Amino acid sequence: MALETTTGGDDPVLARLRALALAFPGAAEVETHGQRAFRAGRLFAVCGTGEKGRAHPRSVAFRPEEDERAALAQDPRVFVPAYYGAAGWLGLDLDDADWQEVAELLDSSFRAVAPPALVARLEAEGSPAGAPQVAGASTSSPPR
């Protein structure tokens, strides 16, 4: 199935996000509230969310680590997504994304919601965030 989002069809940035999200153990792509999303037991990433009154079609919503939420919220690329923001999620615009950072954010989100057996698999197999290249990610980006 093509990655259909509010951008109206295949989008290379969101296709890259899809490949990254599906690299996590047990991850599956679903549709929720008209958006492509990724789950591992529960949702850990949602494509193309927006804030109230402003769309962010090339973005990902994720559940950040609680101790990093305030710092992330100061980043101008980060926003509080409608609906998901009330549960502590943040959104990140993916235009000019640092794909290593995206991988690390998805890793944290995955670990926060995945069942213990999937987190154990992640530990055993290695995280996509720890791989030198993830879905075409650049190796020139320094780790966060």
N, C-alpha and C. Protein backbone atom coordinates (compact mmCIF):
# COMPACT_ATOMS: atom_id res chain seq x y z
N MET A 1 0.85 -1.18 0.00
CA MET A 1 0.00 0.00 0.00
C MET A 1 0.89 1.24 0.00
N ALA A 2 0.57 2.20 -0.82
CA ALA A 2 1.33 3.45 -0.88
C ALA A 2 1.11 4.24 0.40
N LEU A 3 2.10 5.00 0.76
CA LEU A 3 1.99 5.85 1.93
C LEU A 3 1.12 7.04 1.56
N GLU A 4 -0.11 7.02 1.99
CA GLU A 4 -1.03 8.10 1.68
C GLU A 4 -1.18 8.96 2.93
N THR A 5 -0.98 10.23 2.75
CA THR A 5 -1.06 11.16 3.86
C THR A 5 -1.80 12.39 3.40
N THR A 6 -1.80 13.39 4.23
CA THR A 6 -2.43 14.64 3.85
C THR A 6 -1.69 15.34 2.72
N THR A 7 -0.50 14.84 2.33
CA THR A 7 0.20 15.43 1.19
C THR A 7 -0.38 14.93 -0.12
N GLY A 8 -1.30 13.96 -0.07
CA GLY A 8 -1.99 13.52 -1.27
C GLY A 8 -1.30 12.43 -2.05
N GLY A 9 -0.58 11.54 -1.42
CA GLY A 9 0.02 10.42 -2.12
C GLY A 9 1.40 10.11 -1.60
N ASP A 10 2.19 9.44 -2.45
CA ASP A 10 3.55 9.10 -2.04
C ASP A 10 4.37 10.36 -1.85
N ASP A 11 5.13 10.40 -0.81
CA ASP A 11 6.01 11.52 -0.49
C ASP A 11 7.32 10.90 -0.05
N PRO A 12 8.45 11.26 -0.68
CA PRO A 12 9.72 10.61 -0.34
C PRO A 12 10.13 10.79 1.12
N VAL A 13 9.82 11.91 1.73
CA VAL A 13 10.19 12.13 3.13
C VAL A 13 9.37 11.20 4.02
N LEU A 14 8.08 11.11 3.76
CA LEU A 14 7.26 10.24 4.59
C LEU A 14 7.50 8.76 4.28
N ALA A 15 7.90 8.46 3.05
CA ALA A 15 8.28 7.08 2.73
C ALA A 15 9.53 6.69 3.51
N ARG A 16 10.44 7.62 3.68
CA ARG A 16 11.65 7.37 4.46
C ARG A 16 11.29 7.14 5.93
N LEU A 17 10.34 7.92 6.43
CA LEU A 17 9.86 7.73 7.79
C LEU A 17 9.23 6.35 7.94
N ARG A 18 8.46 5.96 6.95
CA ARG A 18 7.81 4.65 6.97
C ARG A 18 8.86 3.54 7.08
N ALA A 19 9.88 3.59 6.25
CA ALA A 19 10.93 2.57 6.27
C ALA A 19 11.61 2.52 7.63
N LEU A 20 11.86 3.67 8.22
CA LEU A 20 12.50 3.74 9.53
C LEU A 20 11.59 3.13 10.59
N ALA A 21 10.33 3.54 10.63
CA ALA A 21 9.40 3.06 11.65
C ALA A 21 9.19 1.55 11.55
N LEU A 22 9.11 1.04 10.33
CA LEU A 22 8.88 -0.39 10.15
C LEU A 22 10.13 -1.23 10.44
N ALA A 23 11.27 -0.59 10.66
CA ALA A 23 12.49 -1.31 11.03
C ALA A 23 12.49 -1.72 12.50
N PHE A 24 11.56 -1.19 13.30
CA PHE A 24 11.47 -1.58 14.71
C PHE A 24 10.78 -2.93 14.81
N PRO A 25 11.20 -3.78 15.77
CA PRO A 25 10.62 -5.13 15.87
C PRO A 25 9.11 -5.09 16.11
N GLY A 26 8.40 -5.87 15.33
CA GLY A 26 6.96 -5.99 15.52
C GLY A 26 6.16 -4.78 15.08
N ALA A 27 6.81 -3.80 14.47
CA ALA A 27 6.09 -2.59 14.04
C ALA A 27 5.16 -2.91 12.89
N ALA A 28 4.01 -2.26 12.89
CA ALA A 28 3.03 -2.42 11.82
C ALA A 28 2.48 -1.04 11.46
N GLU A 29 2.16 -0.89 10.20
CA GLU A 29 1.57 0.36 9.72
C GLU A 29 0.05 0.23 9.77
N VAL A 30 -0.58 1.26 10.29
CA VAL A 30 -2.04 1.30 10.40
C VAL A 30 -2.53 2.68 10.00
N GLU A 31 -3.82 2.82 9.86
CA GLU A 31 -4.42 4.14 9.65
C GLU A 31 -5.23 4.46 10.89
N THR A 32 -5.06 5.68 11.39
CA THR A 32 -5.83 6.13 12.54
C THR A 32 -6.21 7.59 12.32
N HIS A 33 -7.46 7.89 12.48
CA HIS A 33 -7.97 9.25 12.30
C HIS A 33 -7.54 9.83 10.95
N GLY A 34 -7.51 8.99 9.91
CA GLY A 34 -7.14 9.44 8.58
C GLY A 34 -5.66 9.64 8.34
N GLN A 35 -4.82 9.24 9.28
CA GLN A 35 -3.37 9.41 9.17
C GLN A 35 -2.69 8.04 9.20
N ARG A 36 -1.56 7.94 8.51
CA ARG A 36 -0.72 6.76 8.61
C ARG A 36 -0.04 6.80 9.97
N ALA A 37 0.01 5.65 10.60
CA ALA A 37 0.62 5.56 11.93
C ALA A 37 1.34 4.22 12.05
N PHE A 38 2.19 4.13 13.06
CA PHE A 38 2.96 2.92 13.29
C PHE A 38 2.78 2.50 14.73
N ARG A 39 2.56 1.20 14.91
CA ARG A 39 2.30 0.69 16.24
C ARG A 39 3.15 -0.54 16.51
N ALA A 40 3.40 -0.74 17.77
CA ALA A 40 4.05 -1.95 18.27
C ALA A 40 3.32 -2.24 19.57
N GLY A 41 2.17 -2.83 19.46
CA GLY A 41 1.25 -2.94 20.58
C GLY A 41 0.38 -1.70 20.61
N ARG A 42 0.99 -0.56 20.90
CA ARG A 42 0.31 0.75 20.86
C ARG A 42 1.03 1.64 19.87
N LEU A 43 0.42 2.76 19.54
CA LEU A 43 1.02 3.70 18.59
C LEU A 43 2.33 4.26 19.13
N PHE A 44 3.34 4.34 18.24
CA PHE A 44 4.58 5.02 18.63
C PHE A 44 4.95 6.13 17.67
N ALA A 45 4.28 6.25 16.52
CA ALA A 45 4.55 7.32 15.57
C ALA A 45 3.32 7.54 14.69
N VAL A 46 3.03 8.81 14.39
CA VAL A 46 1.90 9.16 13.53
C VAL A 46 2.39 10.19 12.51
N CYS A 47 2.11 9.93 11.24
CA CYS A 47 2.54 10.81 10.15
C CYS A 47 1.56 11.96 9.94
N GLY A 48 2.10 13.10 9.58
CA GLY A 48 1.29 14.21 9.09
C GLY A 48 0.31 14.80 10.07
N THR A 49 0.67 14.91 11.31
CA THR A 49 -0.21 15.53 12.29
C THR A 49 -0.10 17.04 12.17
N GLY A 50 -0.83 17.76 12.96
CA GLY A 50 -0.75 19.20 12.96
C GLY A 50 -1.16 19.76 14.30
N GLU A 51 -0.98 21.07 14.43
CA GLU A 51 -1.45 21.74 15.64
C GLU A 51 -2.83 22.27 15.33
N LYS A 52 -3.55 22.66 16.33
CA LYS A 52 -4.86 23.24 16.11
C LYS A 52 -4.72 24.48 15.22
N GLY A 53 -5.36 24.44 14.06
CA GLY A 53 -5.34 25.57 13.15
C GLY A 53 -4.16 25.61 12.19
N ARG A 54 -3.23 24.63 12.27
CA ARG A 54 -2.07 24.64 11.38
C ARG A 54 -1.65 23.20 11.05
N ALA A 55 -1.67 22.87 9.79
CA ALA A 55 -1.28 21.53 9.35
C ALA A 55 0.24 21.42 9.27
N HIS A 56 0.72 20.25 9.54
CA HIS A 56 2.14 19.89 9.37
C HIS A 56 2.15 18.57 8.60
N PRO A 57 1.88 18.62 7.29
CA PRO A 57 1.72 17.38 6.53
C PRO A 57 2.97 16.51 6.44
N ARG A 58 4.14 17.10 6.51
CA ARG A 58 5.39 16.32 6.46
C ARG A 58 6.01 16.34 7.85
N SER A 59 5.37 15.62 8.74
CA SER A 59 5.82 15.61 10.14
C SER A 59 5.57 14.23 10.73
N VAL A 60 6.10 14.05 11.92
CA VAL A 60 5.84 12.84 12.69
C VAL A 60 5.53 13.25 14.12
N ALA A 61 4.51 12.63 14.68
CA ALA A 61 4.21 12.79 16.11
C ALA A 61 4.81 11.59 16.82
N PHE A 62 5.35 11.83 18.00
CA PHE A 62 6.03 10.80 18.76
C PHE A 62 5.86 11.08 20.24
N ARG A 63 6.11 10.06 21.05
CA ARG A 63 6.04 10.23 22.50
C ARG A 63 7.47 10.37 23.02
N PRO A 64 7.84 11.59 23.45
CA PRO A 64 9.22 11.80 23.91
C PRO A 64 9.44 11.26 25.32
N GLU A 65 10.72 11.09 25.64
CA GLU A 65 11.05 10.77 27.03
C GLU A 65 10.66 11.99 27.86
N GLU A 66 10.09 11.76 29.01
CA GLU A 66 9.58 12.86 29.83
C GLU A 66 10.66 13.88 30.17
N ASP A 67 11.88 13.41 30.47
CA ASP A 67 12.94 14.34 30.85
C ASP A 67 13.49 15.13 29.66
N GLU A 68 13.13 14.77 28.44
CA GLU A 68 13.58 15.52 27.26
C GLU A 68 12.49 16.39 26.66
N ARG A 69 11.26 16.24 27.14
CA ARG A 69 10.13 16.93 26.53
C ARG A 69 10.28 18.45 26.54
N ALA A 70 10.66 19.04 27.64
CA ALA A 70 10.78 20.50 27.74
C ALA A 70 11.84 21.03 26.78
N ALA A 71 12.98 20.36 26.71
CA ALA A 71 14.04 20.82 25.79
C ALA A 71 13.59 20.68 24.34
N LEU A 72 12.96 19.57 24.00
CA LEU A 72 12.48 19.37 22.64
C LEU A 72 11.44 20.43 22.26
N ALA A 73 10.58 20.77 23.20
CA ALA A 73 9.52 21.75 22.93
C ALA A 73 10.07 23.13 22.58
N GLN A 74 11.32 23.41 22.94
CA GLN A 74 11.94 24.70 22.63
C GLN A 74 12.45 24.77 21.19
N ASP A 75 12.57 23.63 20.53
CA ASP A 75 13.07 23.55 19.16
C ASP A 75 12.00 24.10 18.21
N PRO A 76 12.34 25.02 17.32
CA PRO A 76 11.33 25.60 16.42
C PRO A 76 10.72 24.59 15.44
N ARG A 77 11.35 23.44 15.24
CA ARG A 77 10.80 22.40 14.36
C ARG A 77 9.76 21.55 15.07
N VAL A 78 9.66 21.70 16.38
CA VAL A 78 8.79 20.86 17.21
C VAL A 78 7.52 21.62 17.54
N PHE A 79 6.41 20.90 17.57
CA PHE A 79 5.11 21.48 17.90
C PHE A 79 4.32 20.50 18.75
N VAL A 80 3.27 20.99 19.38
CA VAL A 80 2.38 20.13 20.16
C VAL A 80 1.23 19.74 19.23
N PRO A 81 1.16 18.46 18.86
CA PRO A 81 0.14 18.05 17.90
C PRO A 81 -1.26 18.01 18.51
N ALA A 82 -2.23 18.38 17.69
CA ALA A 82 -3.62 18.29 18.12
C ALA A 82 -3.92 16.83 18.48
N TYR A 83 -4.77 16.63 19.42
CA TYR A 83 -5.22 15.33 19.91
C TYR A 83 -4.11 14.61 20.68
N TYR A 84 -2.98 14.35 20.07
CA TYR A 84 -1.90 13.59 20.71
C TYR A 84 -1.15 14.42 21.76
N GLY A 85 -1.11 15.72 21.59
CA GLY A 85 -0.40 16.58 22.53
C GLY A 85 -0.92 16.48 23.95
N ALA A 86 -2.22 16.25 24.10
CA ALA A 86 -2.81 16.13 25.43
C ALA A 86 -2.27 14.92 26.19
N ALA A 87 -1.75 13.94 25.44
CA ALA A 87 -1.17 12.75 26.06
C ALA A 87 0.35 12.85 26.18
N GLY A 88 0.90 14.06 25.96
CA GLY A 88 2.33 14.28 26.13
C GLY A 88 3.16 14.12 24.87
N TRP A 89 2.52 13.87 23.73
CA TRP A 89 3.25 13.70 22.49
C TRP A 89 3.70 15.05 21.94
N LEU A 90 4.73 15.00 21.10
CA LEU A 90 5.20 16.15 20.35
C LEU A 90 5.23 15.80 18.87
N GLY A 91 5.29 16.81 18.02
CA GLY A 91 5.43 16.60 16.59
C GLY A 91 6.72 17.24 16.11
N LEU A 92 7.29 16.68 15.06
CA LEU A 92 8.52 17.20 14.48
C LEU A 92 8.32 17.35 12.99
N ASP A 93 8.56 18.57 12.46
CA ASP A 93 8.54 18.77 11.01
C ASP A 93 9.72 18.04 10.40
N LEU A 94 9.48 17.34 9.30
CA LEU A 94 10.51 16.50 8.69
C LEU A 94 11.23 17.15 7.51
N ASP A 95 10.84 18.35 7.11
CA ASP A 95 11.60 19.03 6.07
C ASP A 95 13.00 19.30 6.63
N ASP A 96 14.01 18.94 5.89
CA ASP A 96 15.42 19.09 6.32
C ASP A 96 15.69 18.37 7.64
N ALA A 97 15.09 17.21 7.80
CA ALA A 97 15.24 16.45 9.05
C ALA A 97 16.64 15.89 9.21
N ASP A 98 17.07 15.80 10.45
CA ASP A 98 18.26 15.06 10.84
C ASP A 98 17.74 13.64 11.12
N TRP A 99 17.98 12.72 10.20
CA TRP A 99 17.36 11.40 10.29
C TRP A 99 17.91 10.56 11.44
N GLN A 100 19.10 10.86 11.91
CA GLN A 100 19.58 10.17 13.11
C GLN A 100 18.74 10.62 14.31
N GLU A 101 18.45 11.90 14.38
CA GLU A 101 17.60 12.41 15.46
C GLU A 101 16.21 11.80 15.38
N VAL A 102 15.64 11.72 14.18
CA VAL A 102 14.32 11.12 14.01
C VAL A 102 14.35 9.68 14.50
N ALA A 103 15.38 8.93 14.13
CA ALA A 103 15.51 7.54 14.57
C ALA A 103 15.56 7.44 16.09
N GLU A 104 16.30 8.34 16.73
CA GLU A 104 16.41 8.33 18.20
C GLU A 104 15.08 8.69 18.85
N LEU A 105 14.36 9.63 18.28
CA LEU A 105 13.05 9.99 18.83
C LEU A 105 12.06 8.84 18.69
N LEU A 106 12.08 8.17 17.54
CA LEU A 106 11.20 7.01 17.36
C LEU A 106 11.60 5.88 18.30
N ASP A 107 12.89 5.71 18.54
CA ASP A 107 13.36 4.69 19.47
C ASP A 107 12.78 4.95 20.86
N SER A 108 12.86 6.18 21.32
CA SER A 108 12.32 6.51 22.65
C SER A 108 10.81 6.28 22.70
N SER A 109 10.13 6.68 21.65
CA SER A 109 8.68 6.51 21.59
C SER A 109 8.31 5.03 21.57
N PHE A 110 9.03 4.25 20.78
CA PHE A 110 8.81 2.81 20.71
C PHE A 110 8.98 2.19 22.10
N ARG A 111 10.08 2.50 22.76
CA ARG A 111 10.37 1.92 24.08
C ARG A 111 9.30 2.30 25.11
N ALA A 112 8.69 3.48 24.95
CA ALA A 112 7.68 3.93 25.90
C ALA A 112 6.37 3.15 25.79
N VAL A 113 6.08 2.61 24.60
CA VAL A 113 4.76 2.00 24.40
C VAL A 113 4.79 0.52 24.05
N ALA A 114 5.91 0.01 23.57
CA ALA A 114 5.97 -1.38 23.10
C ALA A 114 5.90 -2.36 24.27
N PRO A 115 5.33 -3.53 24.02
CA PRO A 115 5.33 -4.57 25.06
C PRO A 115 6.76 -4.97 25.42
N PRO A 116 6.98 -5.44 26.64
CA PRO A 116 8.33 -5.82 27.07
C PRO A 116 9.02 -6.80 26.13
N ALA A 117 8.30 -7.73 25.54
CA ALA A 117 8.93 -8.69 24.63
C ALA A 117 9.51 -8.01 23.40
N LEU A 118 8.84 -6.97 22.89
CA LEU A 118 9.36 -6.25 21.73
C LEU A 118 10.54 -5.37 22.11
N VAL A 119 10.50 -4.79 23.30
CA VAL A 119 11.65 -4.01 23.77
C VAL A 119 12.85 -4.93 23.96
N ALA A 120 12.63 -6.14 24.46
CA ALA A 120 13.73 -7.11 24.60
C ALA A 120 14.29 -7.47 23.23
N ARG A 121 13.43 -7.64 22.24
CA ARG A 121 13.92 -7.91 20.88
C ARG A 121 14.74 -6.74 20.36
N LEU A 122 14.29 -5.53 20.63
CA LEU A 122 15.03 -4.33 20.21
C LEU A 122 16.42 -4.34 20.84
N GLU A 123 16.48 -4.66 22.11
CA GLU A 123 17.76 -4.73 22.81
C GLU A 123 18.66 -5.80 22.21
N ALA A 124 18.08 -6.95 21.90
CA ALA A 124 18.86 -8.07 21.38
C ALA A 124 19.31 -7.85 19.93
N GLU A 125 18.43 -7.30 19.12
CA GLU A 125 18.70 -7.14 17.68
C GLU A 125 19.36 -5.82 17.34
N GLY A 126 19.25 -4.86 18.25
CA GLY A 126 19.78 -3.53 17.98
C GLY A 126 18.71 -2.61 17.43
N SER A 127 18.81 -1.38 17.80
CA SER A 127 17.82 -0.38 17.39
C SER A 127 18.16 0.20 16.03
N PRO A 128 17.15 0.54 15.23
CA PRO A 128 17.42 1.29 13.99
C PRO A 128 18.16 2.60 14.27
N ALA A 129 18.00 3.15 15.45
CA ALA A 129 18.70 4.38 15.82
C ALA A 129 20.19 4.15 16.02
N GLY A 130 20.58 2.92 16.28
CA GLY A 130 21.98 2.61 16.48
C GLY A 130 22.69 2.16 15.23
N ALA A 131 21.94 1.92 14.17
CA ALA A 131 22.53 1.45 12.91
C ALA A 131 23.20 2.61 12.20
N PRO A 132 24.32 2.37 11.50
CA PRO A 132 24.99 3.46 10.80
C PRO A 132 24.14 4.06 9.69
N GLN A 133 23.30 3.24 9.04
CA GLN A 133 22.42 3.78 8.00
C GLN A 133 21.05 3.18 8.20
N VAL A 134 20.03 4.03 8.34
CA VAL A 134 18.67 3.61 8.53
C VAL A 134 17.83 4.23 7.43
N ALA A 135 17.25 3.42 6.59
CA ALA A 135 16.36 3.89 5.54
C ALA A 135 16.98 5.05 4.78
N GLY A 136 18.25 4.94 4.47
CA GLY A 136 18.92 5.98 3.72
C GLY A 136 19.41 7.14 4.56
N ALA A 137 19.40 6.97 5.88
CA ALA A 137 19.83 8.07 6.75
C ALA A 137 21.31 8.36 6.55
N SER A 138 21.66 9.60 6.69
CA SER A 138 23.04 10.03 6.53
C SER A 138 23.85 9.64 7.76
N THR A 139 25.08 9.20 7.54
CA THR A 139 25.95 8.88 8.66
C THR A 139 26.74 10.10 9.11
N SER A 140 26.56 11.23 8.43
CA SER A 140 27.34 12.41 8.77
C SER A 140 26.74 13.20 9.93
N SER A 141 25.53 12.88 10.33
CA SER A 141 24.88 13.59 11.44
C SER A 141 25.45 13.10 12.75
N PRO A 142 25.87 13.99 13.63
CA PRO A 142 26.37 13.56 14.93
C PRO A 142 25.21 13.08 15.81
N PRO A 143 25.44 12.13 16.71
CA PRO A 143 24.39 11.69 17.62
C PRO A 143 23.97 12.83 18.52
N ARG A 144 22.72 12.77 18.98
CA ARG A 144 22.21 13.79 19.90
C ARG A 144 22.85 13.62 21.24
